[in-house]
Protein backbone atom coordinates (compact mmCIF):
# COMPACT_ATOMS: atom_id res chain seq x y z
CA MET A 1 -71.97 -65.42 -27.75
CA THR A 2 -75.91 -64.91 -28.76
CA GLY A 3 -76.94 -61.82 -29.47
CA GLY A 4 -80.13 -61.95 -27.91
CA PRO A 5 -82.15 -60.30 -25.38
CA VAL A 6 -80.34 -60.70 -21.64
CA ILE A 7 -82.31 -61.84 -19.08
CA ASP A 8 -81.89 -59.36 -15.74
CA GLY A 9 -79.82 -62.17 -13.73
CA ARG A 10 -80.58 -59.49 -10.67
CA ARG A 11 -84.15 -59.40 -10.52
CA LEU A 12 -84.52 -62.83 -11.16
CA LEU A 13 -82.80 -64.04 -7.45
CA ALA A 14 -84.18 -61.29 -6.07
CA ARG A 15 -87.48 -63.01 -6.22
CA LEU A 16 -86.33 -66.24 -5.41
CA ASP A 17 -85.00 -64.71 -1.85
CA ALA A 18 -89.11 -62.82 -2.03
CA PHE A 19 -90.85 -66.29 -2.96
CA ALA A 20 -88.06 -68.08 -0.53
CA ALA A 21 -89.39 -66.19 2.18
CA ILE A 22 -93.24 -67.45 1.63
CA GLY A 23 -93.24 -70.48 4.18
CA ALA A 24 -89.49 -70.31 5.23
CA THR A 25 -88.14 -72.51 7.78
CA PRO A 26 -85.53 -71.52 10.46
CA ALA A 27 -82.54 -74.14 8.72
CA GLY A 28 -83.12 -71.81 5.23
CA GLY A 29 -85.53 -74.21 3.55
CA VAL A 30 -89.02 -73.66 2.38
CA ASN A 31 -92.73 -75.23 3.14
CA ARG A 32 -95.07 -74.98 1.34
CA PRO A 33 -97.70 -77.21 1.32
CA ALA A 34 -99.91 -77.60 -2.07
CA LEU A 35 -102.99 -75.64 -1.89
CA GLY A 36 -102.46 -74.28 1.79
CA PRO A 37 -102.03 -70.82 3.05
CA GLU A 38 -98.06 -70.35 2.05
CA ASP A 39 -98.55 -71.87 -1.74
CA ARG A 40 -101.86 -69.67 -1.96
CA ALA A 41 -99.49 -66.55 -1.08
CA ALA A 42 -96.85 -67.55 -3.32
CA ARG A 43 -99.61 -67.78 -5.86
CA ALA A 44 -101.04 -64.30 -5.40
CA LEU A 45 -97.59 -62.82 -5.46
CA LEU A 46 -96.72 -64.42 -8.64
CA ALA A 47 -99.96 -63.39 -9.98
CA GLY A 48 -99.60 -59.77 -8.61
CA LEU A 49 -95.97 -59.61 -10.23
CA GLY A 50 -97.57 -60.58 -13.64
CA ALA A 51 -100.04 -58.30 -13.90
CA ALA A 52 -97.84 -55.29 -13.22
CA ARG A 53 -96.32 -55.95 -16.55
CA GLY A 54 -99.90 -56.42 -17.86
CA PHE A 55 -99.18 -60.68 -18.43
CA SER A 56 -103.39 -62.07 -18.39
CA PRO A 57 -103.79 -64.27 -15.36
CA PHE A 58 -106.10 -67.92 -16.10
CA GLN A 59 -106.79 -70.88 -14.01
CA ASP A 60 -108.34 -74.40 -14.68
CA ALA A 61 -110.42 -76.60 -12.52
CA ALA A 62 -107.08 -77.98 -10.52
CA ALA A 63 -105.66 -74.77 -9.88
CA ASN A 64 -103.08 -73.88 -12.20
CA LEU A 65 -101.88 -70.87 -12.75
CA PHE A 66 -100.83 -68.90 -16.21
CA LEU A 67 -99.67 -66.03 -17.17
CA ARG A 68 -100.18 -65.60 -21.01
CA ARG A 69 -98.11 -62.96 -22.93
CA ALA A 70 -99.80 -62.41 -26.08
CA GLY A 71 -97.93 -63.16 -29.21
CA ALA A 72 -98.53 -61.21 -33.13
CA ASP A 73 -101.53 -64.14 -33.43
CA ASP A 74 -103.01 -64.59 -30.07
CA GLY A 75 -105.39 -67.42 -31.61
CA ARG A 76 -102.16 -70.05 -32.22
CA PRO A 77 -101.73 -72.46 -29.23
CA PRO A 78 -99.05 -71.26 -26.56
CA LEU A 79 -95.36 -72.06 -25.65
CA LEU A 80 -95.76 -72.99 -21.82
CA ILE A 81 -92.77 -72.41 -19.42
CA GLY A 82 -92.66 -73.08 -15.74
CA SER A 83 -92.26 -76.01 -13.17
CA HIS A 84 -94.01 -75.19 -9.34
CA LEU A 85 -94.28 -73.03 -6.33
CA ASP A 86 -95.58 -76.57 -3.80
CA SER A 87 -92.70 -77.81 -1.89
CA GLN A 88 -91.77 -80.66 0.69
CA PRO A 89 -92.22 -80.17 4.59
CA THR A 90 -88.47 -79.32 4.66
CA GLY A 91 -87.90 -78.62 1.00
CA GLY A 92 -85.60 -75.97 -0.37
CA ARG A 93 -85.65 -72.57 -1.62
CA PHE A 94 -85.31 -73.62 -5.63
CA ASP A 95 -86.74 -76.93 -6.60
CA GLY A 96 -89.79 -75.74 -8.39
CA ALA A 97 -89.20 -72.65 -7.86
CA LEU A 98 -86.71 -71.36 -9.94
CA GLY A 99 -87.96 -72.88 -13.38
CA THR A 100 -91.40 -70.60 -12.17
CA LEU A 101 -89.43 -67.82 -11.55
CA ALA A 102 -86.96 -67.89 -14.40
CA ALA A 103 -90.06 -68.13 -16.43
CA LEU A 104 -91.05 -64.91 -15.04
CA GLU A 105 -87.68 -63.13 -16.05
CA VAL A 106 -87.84 -64.56 -19.45
CA LEU A 107 -91.28 -63.22 -20.15
CA GLU A 108 -90.31 -59.98 -18.28
CA THR A 109 -86.96 -59.37 -20.49
CA LEU A 110 -89.67 -59.96 -23.54
CA GLU A 111 -91.27 -57.21 -22.39
CA ASP A 112 -88.12 -54.87 -21.69
CA HIS A 113 -86.96 -55.32 -25.19
CA GLY A 114 -90.05 -55.55 -26.84
CA VAL A 115 -89.97 -58.94 -28.12
CA VAL A 116 -93.23 -60.04 -30.40
CA THR A 117 -93.51 -63.48 -30.39
CA ALA A 118 -95.18 -65.34 -33.21
CA GLY A 119 -97.79 -66.37 -31.08
CA PRO A 120 -98.45 -66.51 -27.03
CA VAL A 121 -95.92 -67.51 -24.56
CA GLU A 122 -97.37 -68.40 -21.10
CA LEU A 123 -96.16 -69.05 -17.65
CA VAL A 124 -97.47 -71.61 -16.25
CA ALA A 125 -97.39 -72.54 -12.28
CA TRP A 126 -98.69 -76.78 -11.93
CA THR A 127 -100.57 -77.59 -9.14
CA ASN A 128 -99.03 -80.11 -6.18
CA GLU A 129 -96.03 -81.29 -8.41
CA GLU A 130 -94.77 -82.40 -4.96
CA GLY A 131 -97.32 -84.53 -3.57
CA SER A 132 -96.35 -84.79 -0.41
CA ARG A 133 -99.52 -83.33 0.75
CA PHE A 134 -101.82 -84.81 -1.92
CA ALA A 135 -101.30 -88.08 -3.61
CA PRO A 136 -100.19 -88.44 -6.21
CA GLY A 137 -97.54 -85.57 -7.30
CA ALA A 138 -97.20 -84.04 -10.40
CA PHE A 139 -100.78 -83.33 -9.68
CA GLY A 140 -102.05 -80.42 -12.18
CA SER A 141 -99.97 -81.50 -15.09
CA GLN A 142 -101.29 -84.96 -15.27
CA VAL A 143 -105.16 -83.91 -15.20
CA TYR A 144 -104.41 -80.98 -17.45
CA ALA A 145 -102.22 -83.68 -19.89
CA ALA A 146 -105.51 -86.08 -19.45
CA GLY A 147 -107.83 -83.01 -19.69
CA ALA A 148 -110.19 -84.83 -17.36
CA PHE A 149 -109.31 -85.52 -13.50
CA PRO A 150 -108.88 -89.31 -12.04
CA ARG A 151 -110.98 -91.69 -10.70
CA GLY A 152 -111.78 -91.18 -7.18
CA TRP A 153 -109.57 -87.76 -6.84
CA GLN A 154 -112.57 -86.21 -4.88
CA ASP A 155 -111.50 -88.71 -1.93
CA THR A 156 -108.16 -87.59 -1.83
CA LEU A 157 -107.43 -86.55 1.93
CA ASP A 158 -104.29 -85.06 3.84
CA ASN A 159 -102.86 -85.96 7.07
CA ASP A 160 -105.18 -83.72 9.00
CA GLY A 161 -107.78 -85.01 6.92
CA ALA A 162 -108.30 -82.05 4.47
CA ARG A 163 -109.99 -82.93 1.58
CA LEU A 164 -108.29 -82.36 -2.10
CA PRO A 165 -111.65 -80.71 -3.21
CA ASP A 166 -111.90 -78.27 -1.03
CA GLU A 167 -108.40 -77.38 -1.08
CA LEU A 168 -108.51 -76.92 -4.87
CA ALA A 169 -111.27 -74.86 -4.69
CA ALA A 170 -110.54 -72.37 -1.74
CA THR A 171 -107.15 -72.33 -3.92
CA LEU A 172 -109.49 -71.14 -6.90
CA ALA A 173 -111.26 -68.35 -4.92
CA ALA A 174 -108.00 -66.84 -3.64
CA LEU A 175 -107.25 -65.39 -7.21
CA PRO A 176 -111.04 -64.05 -8.23
CA GLN A 177 -108.65 -62.26 -10.79
CA ALA A 178 -107.70 -65.25 -12.93
CA ALA A 179 -110.02 -66.55 -15.34
CA GLU A 180 -111.18 -69.69 -15.58
CA ARG A 181 -110.33 -72.30 -18.91
CA PRO A 182 -110.37 -75.52 -19.39
CA LEU A 183 -108.22 -78.54 -18.68
CA GLY A 184 -106.06 -80.02 -21.77
CA ARG A 185 -106.01 -77.03 -23.94
CA PRO A 186 -103.36 -77.19 -27.15
CA VAL A 187 -99.88 -76.16 -26.38
CA ALA A 188 -96.99 -75.47 -29.00
CA GLY A 189 -94.37 -76.67 -26.72
CA TYR A 190 -93.49 -76.99 -23.37
CA PHE A 191 -90.02 -75.82 -21.77
CA GLU A 192 -89.44 -76.67 -18.12
CA LEU A 193 -86.25 -75.21 -15.98
CA HIS A 194 -85.11 -77.42 -13.43
CA ILE A 195 -82.39 -77.84 -10.65
CA GLU A 196 -80.59 -81.11 -11.63
CA GLN A 197 -81.16 -82.91 -7.96
CA GLY A 198 -78.28 -85.52 -8.51
CA PRO A 199 -74.80 -84.79 -8.92
CA LEU A 200 -73.75 -85.30 -12.03
CA LEU A 201 -73.58 -81.48 -13.42
CA GLU A 202 -71.27 -80.70 -10.55
CA ARG A 203 -69.68 -83.32 -10.27
CA GLU A 204 -68.66 -82.89 -14.42
CA GLY A 205 -68.13 -78.89 -14.23
CA ALA A 206 -70.78 -78.56 -16.72
CA LEU A 207 -73.25 -75.62 -15.84
CA ILE A 208 -76.41 -76.48 -18.24
CA GLY A 209 -78.07 -80.03 -18.13
CA VAL A 210 -79.91 -81.00 -21.48
CA VAL A 211 -82.76 -83.07 -20.55
CA GLU A 212 -83.55 -85.72 -22.91
CA GLY A 213 -86.38 -87.82 -21.04
CA ILE A 214 -86.96 -89.31 -17.48
CA GLN A 215 -86.77 -92.50 -16.89
CA GLY A 216 -89.90 -95.19 -15.94
CA THR A 217 -90.73 -95.53 -12.34
CA ARG A 218 -92.39 -98.76 -11.29
CA TRP A 219 -93.14 -99.12 -7.86
CA LEU A 220 -93.96 -102.82 -6.00
CA GLU A 221 -95.23 -104.04 -3.27
CA VAL A 222 -93.48 -107.68 -1.96
CA VAL A 223 -95.36 -109.64 0.48
CA ILE A 224 -93.22 -112.48 2.26
CA GLU A 225 -95.36 -114.92 4.01
CA GLY A 226 -93.91 -117.06 6.75
CA GLN A 227 -94.75 -118.73 10.15
CA VAL A 228 -95.28 -116.76 13.30
CA ALA A 229 -93.08 -118.90 15.81
CA HIS A 230 -91.34 -118.53 19.29
CA ALA A 231 -87.87 -116.64 18.57
CA GLY A 232 -86.39 -118.68 21.54
CA THR A 233 -87.46 -122.40 20.99
CA THR A 234 -87.55 -122.36 17.56
CA PRO A 235 -84.49 -124.02 15.96
CA LEU A 236 -83.69 -123.15 12.35
CA ALA A 237 -84.47 -126.40 10.63
CA ASP A 238 -88.29 -125.52 11.96
CA ARG A 239 -88.08 -121.65 10.95
CA ARG A 240 -90.16 -120.27 8.16
CA ASP A 241 -88.65 -116.62 9.14
CA ALA A 242 -90.32 -114.19 6.82
CA MET A 243 -87.79 -111.53 7.70
CA ALA A 244 -84.97 -113.83 6.81
CA VAL A 245 -85.88 -114.47 3.44
CA ALA A 246 -87.18 -110.69 3.20
CA ALA A 247 -83.63 -109.57 3.88
CA ALA A 248 -81.96 -111.72 1.74
CA VAL A 249 -83.98 -111.22 -1.25
CA ILE A 250 -83.20 -107.31 -0.54
CA ALA A 251 -79.21 -108.07 -0.28
CA ARG A 252 -79.36 -110.81 -3.88
CA LEU A 253 -81.13 -107.04 -5.69
CA GLN A 254 -78.76 -104.21 -4.10
CA ALA A 255 -75.59 -106.61 -5.07
CA THR A 256 -77.03 -107.38 -8.95
CA VAL A 257 -79.32 -105.03 -10.08
CA MET A 258 -77.38 -101.49 -10.03
CA PRO A 259 -74.05 -102.60 -9.87
CA ALA A 260 -74.53 -104.62 -13.07
CA ASP A 261 -76.71 -101.48 -15.07
CA VAL A 262 -75.48 -97.96 -14.38
CA ASP A 263 -78.67 -96.67 -15.74
CA ALA A 264 -80.93 -98.83 -13.44
CA ARG A 265 -82.12 -97.53 -9.85
CA LEU A 266 -83.58 -99.81 -7.24
CA THR A 267 -84.87 -98.33 -4.05
CA VAL A 268 -86.48 -100.23 -0.81
CA GLY A 269 -87.76 -97.58 1.26
CA ARG A 270 -90.46 -99.05 3.47
CA LEU A 271 -90.56 -102.45 5.51
CA THR A 272 -93.00 -103.17 7.56
CA LEU A 273 -93.33 -106.91 9.80
CA ALA A 274 -95.56 -108.18 12.08
CA PRO A 275 -96.84 -109.21 14.53
CA GLY A 276 -93.52 -106.88 15.27
CA ALA A 277 -92.37 -108.66 18.49
CA VAL A 278 -89.19 -108.68 19.93
CA ASN A 279 -89.07 -112.37 20.56
CA VAL A 280 -91.57 -113.42 18.26
CA ILE A 281 -90.18 -114.93 14.14
CA PRO A 282 -92.16 -112.46 12.17
CA GLY A 283 -94.64 -114.13 9.67
CA GLU A 284 -94.75 -111.66 7.34
CA VAL A 285 -93.09 -109.21 5.68
CA THR A 286 -93.89 -106.78 3.50
CA PHE A 287 -91.43 -104.03 1.63
CA SER A 288 -91.65 -101.46 -1.36
CA ILE A 289 -89.17 -101.50 -4.45
CA ASP A 290 -89.12 -97.98 -6.36
CA LEU A 291 -87.63 -99.12 -9.68
CA ARG A 292 -86.62 -97.03 -12.48
CA HIS A 293 -84.50 -96.89 -15.81
CA PRO A 294 -84.96 -94.90 -18.98
CA SER A 295 -86.10 -98.16 -20.96
CA GLY A 296 -89.96 -99.60 -20.33
CA ALA A 297 -88.80 -102.47 -21.88
CA GLU A 298 -85.36 -102.80 -18.89
CA ILE A 299 -88.21 -102.03 -16.39
CA ASP A 300 -90.35 -105.57 -17.60
CA ARG A 301 -87.17 -107.47 -17.63
CA LEU A 302 -86.22 -106.62 -14.03
CA GLU A 303 -89.33 -106.52 -12.74
CA ALA A 304 -89.65 -109.83 -14.05
CA GLU A 305 -86.25 -111.22 -12.58
CA ILE A 306 -87.40 -109.60 -9.30
CA VAL A 307 -90.59 -112.37 -8.91
CA ALA A 308 -88.50 -114.54 -9.94
CA LEU A 309 -85.88 -114.17 -7.64
CA ALA A 310 -88.44 -113.38 -4.26
CA GLY A 311 -89.70 -116.73 -5.23
CA GLU A 312 -86.77 -118.74 -5.48
CA VAL A 313 -85.72 -116.87 -2.28
CA ALA A 314 -88.87 -117.74 -0.40
CA ALA A 315 -89.20 -120.85 -1.45
CA ASP A 316 -85.69 -122.07 0.15
CA GLY A 317 -86.97 -120.35 3.42
CA GLY A 318 -90.09 -122.43 3.66
CA CYS A 319 -92.25 -119.18 2.70
CA ARG A 320 -94.51 -118.09 0.23
CA ALA A 321 -93.54 -114.65 -1.37
CA SER A 322 -96.17 -112.45 -3.79
CA VAL A 323 -95.24 -109.04 -5.77
CA ARG A 324 -97.73 -106.49 -6.74
CA ARG A 325 -97.52 -103.13 -8.68
CA SER A 326 -98.54 -100.00 -6.39
CA MET A 327 -97.75 -97.45 -9.40
CA ASP A 328 -96.27 -97.67 -13.40
CA VAL A 329 -95.31 -94.31 -14.68
CA ALA A 330 -93.93 -94.94 -18.31
CA PRO A 331 -90.31 -93.05 -19.52
CA ALA A 332 -90.56 -90.34 -21.97
CA ARG A 333 -88.62 -89.15 -24.23
CA PHE A 334 -88.29 -85.28 -24.74
CA ASP A 335 -88.95 -84.41 -28.71
CA ALA A 336 -85.22 -83.99 -30.29
CA ARG A 337 -86.67 -80.60 -32.00
CA LEU A 338 -87.03 -78.87 -28.52
CA VAL A 339 -84.12 -81.06 -27.16
CA GLY A 340 -81.82 -79.77 -29.69
CA ILE A 341 -83.02 -76.04 -29.21
CA VAL A 342 -81.56 -76.70 -25.66
CA GLU A 343 -78.37 -77.55 -26.34
CA GLY A 344 -77.70 -75.41 -28.70
CA ALA A 345 -79.06 -71.93 -27.06
CA ALA A 346 -76.01 -73.42 -24.49
CA LYS A 347 -73.77 -73.68 -26.77
CA ARG A 348 -73.65 -69.98 -28.10
CA ARG A 349 -73.93 -68.74 -24.65
CA GLY A 350 -70.66 -70.60 -24.30
CA PHE A 351 -72.36 -72.15 -20.97
CA PRO A 352 -70.42 -76.39 -20.52
CA SER A 353 -73.23 -78.68 -20.94
CA ARG A 354 -73.92 -82.43 -20.62
CA ARG A 355 -77.00 -84.44 -22.30
CA LEU A 356 -78.71 -86.62 -19.53
CA PHE A 357 -81.71 -88.63 -17.78
CA SER A 358 -83.85 -86.87 -15.30
CA GLY A 359 -83.76 -90.06 -12.31
CA ALA A 360 -87.19 -87.44 -10.82
CA PHE A 361 -90.44 -86.94 -11.93
CA HIS A 362 -91.45 -83.48 -12.89
CA ASP A 363 -94.22 -82.09 -14.66
CA ALA A 364 -92.60 -82.25 -18.13
CA LEU A 365 -93.14 -86.34 -18.03
CA PHE A 366 -96.99 -85.67 -18.24
CA MET A 367 -96.47 -82.83 -20.78
CA ALA A 368 -94.62 -84.54 -23.22
CA ARG A 369 -97.85 -86.86 -23.63
CA LEU A 370 -99.71 -83.75 -25.10
CA GLY A 371 -97.02 -82.30 -27.01
CA PRO A 372 -93.22 -81.63 -27.64
CA ALA A 373 -91.52 -81.02 -24.29
CA ALA A 374 -88.09 -80.47 -22.79
CA MET A 375 -85.93 -79.76 -19.97
CA ILE A 376 -82.99 -77.42 -18.61
CA PHE A 377 -80.90 -78.53 -15.45
CA VAL A 378 -78.99 -76.54 -13.52
CA PRO A 379 -76.78 -78.08 -10.62
CA CYS A 380 -77.28 -78.21 -7.86
CA ARG A 381 -74.43 -77.99 -4.17
CA GLY A 382 -73.76 -81.83 -3.67
CA GLY A 383 -76.40 -83.09 -5.58
CA LEU A 384 -78.95 -82.03 -2.28
CA SER A 385 -82.49 -81.33 -2.84
CA HIS A 386 -86.06 -81.95 -1.02
CA ASN A 387 -83.48 -80.47 1.30
CA GLU A 388 -83.59 -76.92 3.25
CA ALA A 389 -79.35 -76.95 2.75
CA GLU A 390 -80.23 -77.50 -1.39
CA TYR A 391 -78.72 -74.75 -3.13
CA VAL A 392 -77.97 -73.18 -6.46
CA GLU A 393 -74.79 -70.81 -7.12
CA PRO A 394 -75.94 -67.47 -8.39
CA HIS A 395 -74.51 -67.41 -12.33
CA GLN A 396 -75.99 -71.11 -11.88
CA ALA A 397 -79.72 -69.88 -11.32
CA ILE A 398 -78.88 -66.77 -13.95
CA ALA A 399 -77.34 -69.27 -16.67
CA GLY A 400 -80.31 -71.62 -16.99
CA ALA A 401 -82.98 -68.77 -16.99
CA GLN A 402 -81.24 -67.29 -20.26
CA VAL A 403 -80.64 -70.92 -22.11
CA LEU A 404 -84.85 -71.00 -20.87
CA CYS A 405 -85.35 -67.16 -22.10
CA ASP A 406 -82.61 -67.91 -25.09
CA ALA A 407 -84.84 -71.72 -26.37
CA THR A 408 -88.07 -70.19 -25.27
CA LEU A 409 -87.07 -67.24 -28.59
CA GLU A 410 -85.55 -69.85 -30.80
CA ALA A 411 -88.84 -72.37 -30.28
CA MET A 412 -91.42 -69.33 -31.25
CA ALA A 413 -89.14 -68.22 -34.30
CA GLY A 414 -89.94 -71.89 -35.41
CA LEU A 415 -93.38 -71.47 -35.38
CA ALA A 416 -93.37 -68.44 -36.85
CA ALA A 417 -91.97 -70.22 -40.07
CA THR A 418 -94.95 -72.70 -39.75
């Protein structure tokens, strides 16, 4: 067992309850859309709790919120720890909030024990990680890591027509006590605690997931073009049925891609067809493919396989196929030193752990482009997330926060030696 400071588990659990009440849903989940009134209320509560302990609040132009605990050399780049506060419309109470509030608990634990760190440690609550109100997701961390806003961001609207620039401005104005800071400031490193959002840790009895990286994601749009014709008068030999071809392509992919590679993920989540009448053979079908893998080279190979397969099956059915990319995010491998720190912290606490790759996006994916980064996972019941029934056992949440605290201290000790 390590002799480092022990976090206040009761305080952490109480904070999780308090934040879950902001945007609470009748089914026990959370609806806290990015940059909306509930998100602003959560930010205000977080800033108030930090101010009560003497932590300085800051915001950047993307409304990313920081709470700074000073270090011995306050001119050093900070070590960032945190996650996000926004949620899916029927989200759970732990996704994002656990990592953010565990970061607050770390700052408070350091304060409780009078720990002086080599440099500053900052909590960060990233803007619009979920992307459920404004696309794309992980907006705040992407903008921060790039040091600039993406082209055309001013035209982004939500489903009700609200403009992203207006909602950003209103959110920034709601915390006038937070001083402004520039995007893309250097960091010493980044740790993020998050629920796994999958079943592996629970299934294997591991309390801590040591995340080695985040798999790459590529979204493809497949269009099958056939010929509209009468459903009752057109025999099989004369049909150019776009739907039949699309179904065959999807069936072949589902039967081959994931069964052949345990690390591959392929999902068809959206399908539209035209003209969409019961008694008309579809002339055009469009469907999405969400393709994921830890290896960028393997994603390239799978995309080429999809293009070839779609073309072959379409030609056999008298149709044409086209495939285009709509999104491409490269895989990220986390910093080996920080990953080792997480693994060592879990071991010293006696917490069973295993290494794994994240199948979901996280802000750490983009922070890894700016500097050293690593993630800590804790189990969630049944692997269920983005769901009001999402649940993390109290001892699991506390263990994750303790590993975050220990990892933060070890990383800061390493900085002191440089």
